[in-house]
Amino acid sequence: MGRSRKGRDISGWLVVDKPAGLTSSAVVNKVRWAFGAKKAGHAGTLDPEATGVLAIALGEATKTVPYVTEALKAYRFTVRLGQATNTDDAEGEVIAQSDARPDDGTIRAALSQFTGDIMQVPPKFSAVKIEGERAYKRARDDQEFQIAARPLYVESLEMVARPDADHIVLEMVCGKGGYVRAIARDLGEALGCHGHVTLLRRVWSGPFDAADGVGMELIEKLAKTPELDDYLRPVEEGLADLPELRATPENAARLRHGNPAMVLTSDAEYGDEAWASLDGKAVAVGIYRAGELHPSRVFNH
């Protein structure tokens, strides 16, 4: 019989303002250690050199990760025009150059083709799996391979600054699975001048904002202390995009046992995914049908 994971039964969300130079996994491991938590995960990987919102779920909050992952996210990033790299960011080797520098009007006109429902090919240096192997491993070995295009919803993509002829600053709001590096690469190709990302920051992710993020220095300073717990946000914040239903104590007990139960009226429509609460605490997530919630996952906190 395998050993059970030791640690605290602590639940909630910690919004980390991730610094450059750390992988998302390294941040999760540090947060789990700092809280002494049994279980932790994150809602959406950031590249090691990217900064900004990395939402870390502890305990029961890990059950809400899919809903934050599916939510819209906003990025602010700088594109270096005139150069393509093998990684589509400044960490890679320059593989193509151009002296062309399109004017602002041309750039803004080109952005429209990257909004709405588009197809995007992830960078070769990415965690996408190719026949069970991470793409970046194949890329490091100089293997030849292709990555299939994937659907992506881009709500908006705007140029907000041009510090000089070689650089533009863009802001993008998109759905799950978007690669900012691929946007920079493809925009550069569309403009006929190449391009790659030099700076990338996730400004917000679903209900979580970088302005509310906690830095790694503070996490390390307050590690293993009650003061760090004060920075945890409720499990329920991960369900912000779903309709909330209210349950009586008796029906909350039924839901927690995985049984359908009556819930009080809300804005949910038949067939919607929704969550039930008791005294503001999440009880279960499931499908709403004719006054009942049919639970798919339950919370014990």
Protein backbone atom coordinates (compact mmCIF):
# COMPACT_ATOMS: atom_id res chain seq x y z
CA MET A 1 0.00 0.00 0.00
CA GLY A 2 1.40 3.40 -0.99
CA ARG A 3 2.19 6.06 1.57
CA SER A 4 -0.29 8.91 1.96
CA ARG A 5 1.04 12.39 1.27
CA LYS A 6 1.77 14.26 4.48
CA GLY A 7 0.85 17.87 4.94
CA ARG A 8 -1.83 20.28 6.08
CA ASP A 9 -5.44 20.07 5.00
CA ILE A 10 -5.51 23.67 3.84
CA SER A 11 -7.63 24.95 0.96
CA GLY A 12 -7.76 28.14 -1.05
CA TRP A 13 -6.18 30.12 -3.87
CA LEU A 14 -2.90 32.02 -3.75
CA VAL A 15 -2.39 34.55 -6.53
CA VAL A 16 1.34 34.69 -7.19
CA ASP A 17 3.01 37.45 -9.19
CA LYS A 18 5.55 35.12 -10.79
CA PRO A 19 9.00 36.56 -11.42
CA ALA A 20 11.06 35.83 -14.51
CA GLY A 21 13.45 32.92 -14.28
CA LEU A 22 11.24 30.37 -12.51
CA THR A 23 9.16 27.59 -14.01
CA SER A 24 5.52 27.32 -13.04
CA SER A 25 6.22 23.94 -11.43
CA ALA A 26 8.97 25.46 -9.29
CA VAL A 27 6.54 28.10 -8.02
CA VAL A 28 3.91 25.48 -7.18
CA ASN A 29 6.48 23.42 -5.27
CA LYS A 30 7.65 26.47 -3.32
CA VAL A 31 4.08 27.45 -2.41
CA ARG A 32 3.21 23.91 -1.34
CA TRP A 33 6.31 23.88 0.89
CA ALA A 34 5.59 27.34 2.32
CA PHE A 35 2.06 26.33 3.37
CA GLY A 36 2.98 22.76 4.25
CA ALA A 37 0.05 21.78 2.07
CA LYS A 38 -0.88 18.24 1.07
CA LYS A 39 -1.97 19.19 -2.40
CA ALA A 40 -1.29 22.05 -4.82
CA GLY A 41 -1.63 22.83 -8.51
CA HIS A 42 -1.77 25.80 -10.86
CA ALA A 43 -4.26 27.13 -13.39
CA GLY A 44 -2.28 27.73 -16.57
CA THR A 45 1.45 27.46 -17.20
CA LEU A 46 3.62 30.53 -17.70
CA ASP A 47 6.93 30.33 -19.59
CA PRO A 48 9.96 30.56 -17.26
CA GLU A 49 10.86 34.07 -18.45
CA ALA A 50 7.25 35.32 -18.28
CA THR A 51 5.92 37.24 -15.28
CA GLY A 52 2.50 37.91 -13.80
CA VAL A 53 -0.48 35.95 -12.57
CA LEU A 54 0.12 32.35 -11.65
CA ALA A 55 -2.91 31.18 -9.67
CA ILE A 56 -1.99 28.39 -7.24
CA ALA A 57 -4.73 26.14 -5.87
CA LEU A 58 -4.35 24.37 -2.54
CA GLY A 59 -6.41 21.48 -1.25
CA GLU A 60 -10.08 21.61 -2.26
CA ALA A 61 -9.37 24.56 -4.57
CA THR A 62 -7.62 22.14 -6.95
CA LYS A 63 -11.11 20.89 -7.86
CA THR A 64 -11.87 24.33 -9.32
CA VAL A 65 -8.68 24.57 -11.44
CA PRO A 66 -10.44 23.59 -14.71
CA TYR A 67 -12.82 26.55 -14.42
CA VAL A 68 -9.98 29.05 -14.05
CA THR A 69 -8.00 27.37 -16.82
CA GLU A 70 -10.96 27.72 -19.18
CA ALA A 71 -11.49 31.40 -18.35
CA LEU A 72 -10.22 34.32 -20.42
CA LYS A 73 -6.73 35.64 -19.72
CA ALA A 74 -4.99 38.93 -20.52
CA TYR A 75 -1.36 39.40 -21.57
CA ARG A 76 0.83 42.43 -22.19
CA PHE A 77 3.92 41.66 -24.26
CA THR A 78 6.67 43.25 -26.31
CA VAL A 79 7.52 42.01 -29.81
CA ARG A 80 10.93 42.55 -31.38
CA LEU A 81 10.43 43.16 -35.08
CA GLY A 82 13.03 42.16 -37.66
CA GLN A 83 14.17 38.90 -36.09
CA ALA A 84 12.82 35.36 -35.78
CA THR A 85 14.25 32.95 -33.20
CA ASN A 86 14.01 29.18 -32.91
CA THR A 87 12.13 29.52 -29.61
CA ASP A 88 9.97 32.51 -30.68
CA ASP A 89 11.34 34.48 -27.72
CA ALA A 90 14.56 36.22 -26.72
CA GLU A 91 16.01 33.04 -25.18
CA GLY A 92 16.52 31.40 -28.55
CA GLU A 93 18.92 31.71 -31.47
CA VAL A 94 18.18 34.15 -34.27
CA ILE A 95 17.26 32.12 -37.36
CA ALA A 96 16.04 34.87 -39.72
CA GLN A 97 16.34 38.65 -40.03
CA SER A 98 14.75 41.44 -42.02
CA ASP A 99 15.33 45.17 -42.45
CA ALA A 100 11.61 45.78 -43.07
CA ARG A 101 9.78 47.82 -40.42
CA PRO A 102 6.05 48.24 -41.10
CA ASP A 103 4.37 51.44 -39.98
CA ASP A 104 1.81 51.58 -37.17
CA GLY A 105 -1.19 51.53 -39.50
CA THR A 106 0.04 48.40 -41.26
CA ILE A 107 0.61 46.67 -37.93
CA ARG A 108 -2.82 47.55 -36.58
CA ALA A 109 -4.46 46.34 -39.79
CA ALA A 110 -2.64 43.00 -39.53
CA LEU A 111 -3.78 42.41 -35.94
CA SER A 112 -7.37 41.81 -37.05
CA GLN A 113 -6.45 38.46 -38.60
CA PHE A 114 -5.44 37.21 -35.15
CA THR A 115 -8.75 37.91 -33.41
CA GLY A 116 -11.87 35.79 -33.08
CA ASP A 117 -11.71 32.03 -33.58
CA ILE A 118 -8.32 31.29 -35.13
CA MET A 119 -6.05 28.30 -35.66
CA GLN A 120 -2.63 28.49 -34.03
CA VAL A 121 0.44 26.28 -34.30
CA PRO A 122 2.18 26.12 -30.89
CA PRO A 123 5.92 26.87 -30.77
CA LYS A 124 8.26 23.92 -31.24
CA PHE A 125 9.81 24.80 -27.90
CA SER A 126 6.63 24.10 -25.94
CA ALA A 127 5.18 21.38 -23.70
CA VAL A 128 2.85 20.09 -26.43
CA LYS A 129 3.13 16.31 -26.72
CA ILE A 130 4.16 14.71 -30.02
CA GLU A 131 3.62 10.95 -29.93
CA GLY A 132 3.96 11.00 -26.16
CA GLU A 133 7.09 13.18 -26.07
CA ARG A 134 7.28 16.88 -25.22
CA ALA A 135 7.90 19.04 -28.28
CA TYR A 136 10.69 20.99 -26.59
CA LYS A 137 12.66 17.78 -26.05
CA ARG A 138 12.51 17.00 -29.75
CA ALA A 139 13.41 20.58 -30.60
CA ARG A 140 16.46 20.48 -28.32
CA ASP A 141 17.59 17.34 -30.15
CA ASP A 142 17.20 19.13 -33.51
CA GLN A 143 14.59 16.61 -34.64
CA GLU A 144 12.36 17.51 -37.57
CA PHE A 145 8.67 17.40 -36.64
CA GLN A 146 5.39 19.20 -37.18
CA ILE A 147 2.82 20.39 -34.65
CA ALA A 148 -0.82 20.45 -35.70
CA ALA A 149 -2.69 23.75 -35.55
CA ARG A 150 -5.07 24.16 -32.62
CA PRO A 151 -8.16 26.32 -32.21
CA LEU A 152 -7.83 29.47 -30.10
CA TYR A 153 -10.31 32.20 -29.25
CA VAL A 154 -8.81 35.70 -29.15
CA GLU A 155 -11.22 38.28 -27.81
CA SER A 156 -8.95 41.24 -28.51
CA LEU A 157 -5.43 42.07 -29.70
CA GLU A 158 -4.28 45.68 -29.68
CA MET A 159 -1.06 47.64 -30.10
CA VAL A 160 -0.73 49.93 -27.09
CA ALA A 161 2.76 51.35 -27.59
CA ARG A 162 5.72 51.53 -29.97
CA PRO A 163 8.84 52.43 -28.01
CA ASP A 164 10.97 52.47 -31.16
CA ALA A 165 11.00 51.19 -34.72
CA ASP A 166 12.10 47.71 -33.64
CA HIS A 167 9.59 47.10 -30.84
CA ILE A 168 5.82 47.09 -30.38
CA VAL A 169 3.83 46.49 -27.20
CA LEU A 170 0.64 44.46 -27.56
CA GLU A 171 -2.20 43.52 -25.24
CA MET A 172 -4.21 40.36 -25.85
CA VAL A 173 -7.23 38.78 -24.20
CA CYS A 174 -7.67 35.14 -25.17
CA GLY A 175 -9.07 31.80 -24.11
CA LYS A 176 -7.42 28.57 -23.02
CA GLY A 177 -4.34 27.28 -24.80
CA GLY A 178 -3.03 30.47 -26.35
CA TYR A 179 0.70 30.86 -27.02
CA VAL A 180 1.79 34.49 -27.02
CA ARG A 181 5.07 33.48 -28.65
CA ALA A 182 3.14 32.01 -31.57
CA ILE A 183 1.19 35.26 -31.97
CA ALA A 184 4.47 37.22 -32.18
CA ARG A 185 5.93 34.72 -34.65
CA ASP A 186 2.88 34.65 -36.91
CA LEU A 187 2.38 38.42 -36.78
CA GLY A 188 5.98 38.92 -37.84
CA GLU A 189 5.47 36.57 -40.77
CA ALA A 190 2.24 38.30 -41.76
CA LEU A 191 4.05 41.65 -41.72
CA GLY A 192 6.95 40.25 -43.72
CA CYS A 193 9.53 41.27 -41.11
CA HIS A 194 9.71 38.36 -38.62
CA GLY A 195 9.18 38.81 -34.88
CA HIS A 196 9.65 37.29 -31.45
CA VAL A 197 8.62 38.02 -27.85
CA THR A 198 11.09 39.86 -25.61
CA LEU A 199 8.86 40.56 -22.58
CA LEU A 200 5.67 38.81 -21.49
CA ARG A 201 3.38 39.47 -18.54
CA ARG A 202 0.04 37.87 -17.70
CA VAL A 203 -2.03 40.76 -16.37
CA TRP A 204 -5.04 38.75 -15.23
CA SER A 205 -6.39 35.23 -15.43
CA GLY A 206 -10.10 34.65 -14.91
CA PRO A 207 -10.98 36.23 -11.54
CA PHE A 208 -7.35 36.80 -10.52
CA ASP A 209 -5.36 39.99 -11.13
CA ALA A 210 -1.60 40.58 -11.06
CA ALA A 211 -2.18 43.70 -8.97
CA ASP A 212 -3.31 41.40 -6.15
CA GLY A 213 -0.43 38.98 -6.59
CA VAL A 214 2.01 37.94 -3.87
CA GLY A 215 5.73 38.00 -4.62
CA MET A 216 8.06 35.07 -4.06
CA GLU A 217 10.14 37.04 -1.54
CA LEU A 218 7.12 37.50 0.71
CA ILE A 219 6.14 33.84 0.34
CA GLU A 220 9.61 32.77 1.46
CA LYS A 221 9.65 35.33 4.29
CA LEU A 222 6.29 34.18 5.70
CA ALA A 223 6.73 30.46 4.94
CA LYS A 224 5.40 28.14 7.65
CA THR A 225 3.75 31.03 9.55
CA PRO A 226 0.05 31.79 10.16
CA GLU A 227 0.55 35.18 8.50
CA LEU A 228 0.95 33.52 5.11
CA ASP A 229 -2.51 31.96 5.45
CA ASP A 230 -3.98 35.46 5.45
CA TYR A 231 -3.10 35.78 1.76
CA LEU A 232 -5.21 32.78 0.76
CA ARG A 233 -8.36 33.53 -1.20
CA PRO A 234 -11.55 31.44 -0.93
CA VAL A 235 -11.97 28.22 -2.90
CA GLU A 236 -15.16 29.72 -4.32
CA GLU A 237 -13.27 32.38 -6.31
CA GLY A 238 -12.30 29.64 -8.73
CA LEU A 239 -15.99 29.20 -9.56
CA ALA A 240 -16.65 32.87 -10.36
CA ASP A 241 -17.70 32.14 -13.97
CA LEU A 242 -20.36 29.58 -13.00
CA PRO A 243 -23.90 30.34 -11.71
CA GLU A 244 -24.25 29.94 -7.95
CA LEU A 245 -27.13 27.94 -6.50
CA ARG A 246 -28.04 27.84 -2.82
CA ALA A 247 -28.76 24.68 -0.90
CA THR A 248 -30.41 23.96 2.44
CA PRO A 249 -28.34 22.05 5.03
CA GLU A 250 -30.30 18.87 4.28
CA ASN A 251 -29.78 19.11 0.52
CA ALA A 252 -26.15 20.14 0.97
CA ALA A 253 -25.62 16.84 2.80
CA ARG A 254 -27.18 14.95 -0.12
CA LEU A 255 -24.95 16.75 -2.62
CA ARG A 256 -21.82 16.03 -0.60
CA HIS A 257 -22.67 12.34 -0.86
CA GLY A 258 -22.86 12.66 -4.64
CA ASN A 259 -26.66 12.58 -4.85
CA PRO A 260 -28.88 15.00 -6.83
CA ALA A 261 -30.64 17.50 -4.62
CA MET A 262 -32.99 20.46 -4.86
CA VAL A 263 -31.42 23.91 -4.92
CA LEU A 264 -32.85 27.38 -4.57
CA THR A 265 -33.60 29.39 -7.70
CA SER A 266 -30.87 31.28 -9.54
CA ASP A 267 -30.02 32.50 -13.02
CA ALA A 268 -28.93 29.02 -14.09
CA GLU A 269 -30.75 27.49 -17.02
CA TYR A 270 -31.54 23.84 -17.65
CA GLY A 271 -28.34 21.98 -18.53
CA ASP A 272 -25.97 24.67 -17.22
CA GLU A 273 -22.94 23.73 -15.19
CA ALA A 274 -23.31 25.44 -11.82
CA TRP A 275 -22.23 25.22 -8.20
CA ALA A 276 -24.19 24.94 -5.00
CA SER A 277 -23.30 26.75 -1.80
CA LEU A 278 -24.22 26.61 1.87
CA ASP A 279 -23.45 29.72 3.91
CA GLY A 280 -21.19 30.92 1.10
CA LYS A 281 -19.09 27.74 1.00
CA ALA A 282 -18.94 25.56 -2.11
CA VAL A 283 -20.74 22.25 -1.67
CA ALA A 284 -20.72 20.76 -5.16
CA VAL A 285 -20.38 21.46 -8.87
CA GLY A 286 -22.67 19.76 -11.35
CA ILE A 287 -25.40 20.09 -13.94
CA TYR A 288 -28.58 22.02 -13.13
CA ARG A 289 -31.80 20.33 -14.23
CA ALA A 290 -35.33 21.33 -13.29
CA GLY A 291 -34.56 22.67 -9.84
CA GLU A 292 -31.95 20.04 -8.99
CA LEU A 293 -28.18 19.98 -9.11
CA HIS A 294 -26.67 16.71 -10.29
CA PRO A 295 -23.16 16.80 -8.78
CA SER A 296 -20.00 15.84 -10.69
CA ARG A 297 -17.57 16.90 -7.94
CA VAL A 298 -18.08 17.70 -4.27
CA PHE A 299 -16.19 19.79 -1.72
CA ASN A 300 -15.22 18.81 1.81
CA HIS A 301 -14.04 21.97 3.53
